[in-house]
N, C-alpha and C. Protein backbone atom coordinates (compact mmCIF):
# COMPACT_ATOMS: atom_id res chain seq x y z
N UNK A 1 -37.17 19.24 1.01
CA UNK A 1 -36.10 20.48 1.80
C UNK A 1 -35.64 19.31 2.85
N UNK A 2 -36.32 17.87 3.06
CA UNK A 2 -35.69 16.97 4.00
C UNK A 2 -34.05 16.46 4.00
N UNK A 3 -34.14 16.31 2.72
CA UNK A 3 -32.74 15.92 2.26
C UNK A 3 -31.60 16.86 2.49
N UNK A 4 -32.31 18.46 1.89
CA UNK A 4 -31.29 19.42 2.37
C UNK A 4 -30.99 19.66 4.20
N UNK A 5 -32.14 19.57 4.73
CA UNK A 5 -32.13 19.59 6.15
C UNK A 5 -30.85 18.65 6.54
N UNK A 6 -31.48 17.55 6.16
CA UNK A 6 -30.21 16.27 6.44
C UNK A 6 -28.81 16.37 6.10
N UNK A 7 -28.56 16.98 4.98
CA UNK A 7 -27.22 17.41 4.52
C UNK A 7 -26.62 18.09 5.28
N UNK A 8 -27.12 19.26 5.61
CA UNK A 8 -26.69 20.29 6.69
C UNK A 8 -26.52 19.93 8.24
N UNK A 9 -27.07 19.12 8.67
CA UNK A 9 -26.80 18.07 9.82
C UNK A 9 -25.74 17.38 9.67
N UNK A 10 -25.76 16.32 8.28
CA UNK A 10 -24.61 15.30 8.21
C UNK A 10 -23.31 16.21 7.99
N UNK A 11 -23.35 17.11 7.48
CA UNK A 11 -21.72 18.05 7.43
C UNK A 11 -21.69 18.75 8.21
N UNK A 12 -22.61 18.93 9.60
CA UNK A 12 -22.20 19.70 10.84
C UNK A 12 -21.52 18.36 11.68
N UNK A 13 -21.83 17.12 11.50
CA UNK A 13 -21.03 15.85 12.22
C UNK A 13 -20.05 15.86 11.59
N UNK A 14 -19.78 15.94 10.06
CA UNK A 14 -18.62 15.84 9.56
C UNK A 14 -17.49 16.84 10.04
N UNK A 15 -17.48 18.05 10.38
CA UNK A 15 -17.05 18.71 10.80
C UNK A 15 -16.49 18.86 12.13
N UNK A 16 -17.32 18.45 13.00
CA UNK A 16 -17.13 17.86 14.47
C UNK A 16 -16.35 16.96 14.45
N UNK A 17 -16.52 16.29 13.65
CA UNK A 17 -15.65 14.74 13.50
C UNK A 17 -14.27 15.19 13.71
N UNK A 18 -14.04 16.15 12.19
CA UNK A 18 -12.86 16.84 11.91
C UNK A 18 -12.16 17.28 13.00
N UNK A 19 -12.83 17.99 13.73
CA UNK A 19 -12.52 18.59 14.58
C UNK A 19 -11.58 17.96 15.58
N UNK A 20 -12.60 16.86 15.87
CA UNK A 20 -12.16 15.83 17.40
C UNK A 20 -10.87 15.54 16.75
N UNK A 21 -10.58 14.67 15.31
CA UNK A 21 -9.88 13.31 15.06
C UNK A 21 -8.74 14.64 15.15
N UNK A 22 -8.77 15.57 14.42
CA UNK A 22 -7.17 16.42 14.47
C UNK A 22 -7.10 16.55 16.17
N UNK A 23 -7.79 17.30 17.00
CA UNK A 23 -7.50 17.37 18.24
C UNK A 23 -6.79 16.40 18.70
N UNK A 24 -7.83 15.21 18.83
CA UNK A 24 -6.98 13.76 19.28
C UNK A 24 -5.50 13.76 18.58
N UNK A 25 -5.49 13.83 17.30
CA UNK A 25 -3.88 13.41 16.63
C UNK A 25 -3.19 14.46 17.16
N UNK A 26 -3.75 15.56 17.09
CA UNK A 26 -2.42 16.72 17.56
C UNK A 26 -1.63 15.96 19.24
N UNK A 27 -2.75 15.94 19.75
CA UNK A 27 -2.80 15.39 21.32
C UNK A 27 -1.51 14.49 21.46
N UNK A 28 -1.68 13.98 20.40
CA UNK A 28 -1.06 12.63 20.69
C UNK A 28 0.25 12.27 20.15
N UNK A 29 0.05 13.45 19.32
CA UNK A 29 1.75 13.65 18.38
C UNK A 29 2.73 13.97 19.13
N UNK A 30 3.67 13.39 18.94
CA UNK A 30 4.96 13.71 19.63
C UNK A 30 5.69 14.97 18.93
N UNK A 31 5.55 16.19 19.05
CA UNK A 31 5.77 17.41 18.46
C UNK A 31 6.24 18.47 19.06
N UNK A 32 7.70 18.73 19.43
CA UNK A 32 8.01 19.80 20.59
C UNK A 32 8.65 21.10 19.83
N UNK A 33 9.06 21.84 20.38
CA UNK A 33 9.92 22.92 19.72
C UNK A 33 8.64 24.11 19.78
N UNK A 34 9.48 25.49 19.18
CA UNK A 34 8.52 26.44 19.04
C UNK A 34 7.38 26.39 17.96
N UNK A 35 7.91 25.58 16.84
CA UNK A 35 7.09 25.47 15.67
C UNK A 35 5.55 24.81 16.58
N UNK A 36 5.92 23.39 17.10
CA UNK A 36 4.57 23.01 17.58
C UNK A 36 3.81 23.71 18.40
N UNK A 37 4.33 24.52 19.59
CA UNK A 37 3.73 25.41 20.25
C UNK A 37 3.10 26.24 19.77
N UNK A 38 3.26 26.89 18.10
CA UNK A 38 2.78 27.74 17.44
C UNK A 38 1.80 27.11 16.88
N UNK A 39 1.95 26.07 16.35
CA UNK A 39 0.57 25.39 15.82
C UNK A 39 -0.46 25.44 16.79
N UNK A 40 0.20 24.70 17.54
CA UNK A 40 -0.67 24.06 18.98
C UNK A 40 -1.91 25.24 19.08
N UNK A 41 -0.97 26.47 19.69
CA UNK A 41 -1.60 27.80 19.82
C UNK A 41 -2.58 28.21 18.68
N UNK A 42 -2.42 28.26 17.66
CA UNK A 42 -3.18 28.23 16.54
C UNK A 42 -4.14 27.66 16.23
N UNK A 43 -4.37 26.50 16.51
CA UNK A 43 -5.34 25.31 16.70
C UNK A 43 -6.29 25.54 17.74
N UNK A 44 -5.53 26.00 18.96
CA UNK A 44 -6.86 26.24 19.95
C UNK A 44 -7.23 27.65 20.03
N UNK A 45 -6.53 28.49 19.32
CA UNK A 45 -7.20 29.71 19.59
C UNK A 45 -8.17 30.05 18.16
N UNK A 46 -7.50 29.57 17.03
CA UNK A 46 -8.53 29.95 15.32
C UNK A 46 -9.17 28.72 14.86
N UNK A 47 -8.10 27.61 14.56
CA UNK A 47 -9.06 26.54 13.74
C UNK A 47 -10.06 25.74 14.61
N UNK A 48 -9.79 25.93 15.78
CA UNK A 48 -10.86 24.17 16.40
C UNK A 48 -11.84 25.37 16.60
N UNK A 49 -11.79 26.54 17.03
CA UNK A 49 -13.03 27.43 17.48
C UNK A 49 -13.70 27.46 15.93
N UNK A 50 -13.02 27.81 14.79
CA UNK A 50 -13.54 28.16 13.64
C UNK A 50 -14.41 26.94 13.24
N UNK A 51 -13.75 25.38 13.12
CA UNK A 51 -14.57 24.36 13.20
C UNK A 51 -15.88 23.96 14.05
N UNK A 52 -15.85 24.83 15.21
CA UNK A 52 -17.02 24.54 15.94
C UNK A 52 -18.05 25.67 15.79
N UNK A 53 -17.72 26.51 15.30
CA UNK A 53 -18.79 27.34 14.74
C UNK A 53 -19.22 26.76 13.63
N UNK A 54 -18.58 26.62 12.50
CA UNK A 54 -18.74 25.65 11.41
C UNK A 54 -20.07 24.77 11.60
N UNK A 55 -19.54 23.92 12.84
CA UNK A 55 -20.46 22.75 12.98
C UNK A 55 -21.80 23.49 13.37
N UNK A 56 -21.90 24.18 14.19
CA UNK A 56 -22.75 25.07 14.94
C UNK A 56 -23.85 25.86 13.69
N UNK A 57 -22.74 26.42 12.96
CA UNK A 57 -23.63 27.11 11.96
C UNK A 57 -24.74 25.78 11.26
N UNK A 58 -23.79 25.22 10.33
CA UNK A 58 -24.19 23.90 9.69
C UNK A 58 -25.69 23.28 10.52
N UNK A 59 -25.41 22.92 11.68
CA UNK A 59 -26.73 22.21 12.39
C UNK A 59 -27.84 23.46 12.17
N UNK A 60 -27.52 24.91 12.47
CA UNK A 60 -28.48 25.55 12.69
C UNK A 60 -29.12 25.70 11.52
N UNK A 61 -28.55 25.50 10.42
CA UNK A 61 -29.29 25.90 8.99
C UNK A 61 -29.81 24.76 8.46
N UNK A 62 -29.49 23.25 9.08
CA UNK A 62 -30.54 22.26 9.01
C UNK A 62 -31.75 22.68 9.85
N UNK A 63 -31.77 23.05 10.97
CA UNK A 63 -33.02 23.36 11.48
C UNK A 63 -33.79 24.45 11.08
N UNK A 64 -32.95 25.49 10.39
CA UNK A 64 -34.01 26.22 9.58
C UNK A 64 -34.67 25.51 8.86
N UNK A 65 -34.12 25.14 7.85
CA UNK A 65 -34.21 24.20 6.71
C UNK A 65 -35.76 23.52 6.77
N UNK A 66 -35.11 23.07 8.12
CA UNK A 66 -36.62 21.80 8.64
C UNK A 66 -37.80 23.15 9.14
N UNK A 67 -37.82 23.84 9.36
CA UNK A 67 -38.43 24.73 9.94
C UNK A 67 -39.20 25.34 9.06
N UNK A 68 -38.74 25.68 7.98
CA UNK A 68 -39.32 26.09 6.72
C UNK A 68 -40.14 25.17 5.70
N UNK A 69 -39.48 24.27 6.02
CA UNK A 69 -40.31 23.37 5.22
C UNK A 69 -41.59 22.84 6.11
N UNK A 70 -41.53 22.65 7.16
CA UNK A 70 -42.77 22.50 8.15
C UNK A 70 -43.77 23.83 7.86
N UNK A 71 -43.31 25.09 7.52
CA UNK A 71 -43.91 25.84 7.51
C UNK A 71 -45.10 26.08 6.18
N UNK A 72 -43.78 25.78 5.28
CA UNK A 72 -44.84 25.21 3.97
C UNK A 72 -45.49 24.11 3.78
N UNK A 73 -45.43 23.38 4.60
CA UNK A 73 -46.20 22.10 4.72
C UNK A 73 -47.62 22.34 5.06
N UNK A 74 -47.52 23.17 6.14
CA UNK A 74 -48.67 23.86 6.96
C UNK A 74 -49.31 24.43 5.98
N UNK A 75 -48.76 25.43 5.05
CA UNK A 75 -49.54 26.54 4.03
C UNK A 75 -50.01 25.66 3.04
N UNK A 76 -49.54 24.41 2.94
CA UNK A 76 -50.03 23.58 1.89
C UNK A 76 -49.23 23.62 0.58
N UNK A 77 -48.02 24.45 0.65
CA UNK A 77 -47.28 24.71 -0.75
C UNK A 77 -46.11 23.41 -0.73
N UNK A 78 -45.84 22.65 0.08
CA UNK A 78 -45.18 21.49 -0.17
C UNK A 78 -46.13 20.18 0.24
N UNK A 79 -45.75 19.33 -0.41
CA UNK A 79 -46.38 17.64 -0.27
C UNK A 79 -45.65 16.81 0.71
């Protein structure tokens, strides 16, 4: 269960790194026009918040698995 918890937390970090990398790249890309504006709007209103939410949920799941592992350990069901 420790590995599962770690996996969730690592993937949360990956999602946050992806969000950060794309935001940085988008901010430094010379792209103008209506398509650029539309994409940037969708990024900030849809995609970026979705990646933040994903990272948060994965982190939360990692904590949940850790808590359950501890509960099972205390109950004597996990070594």
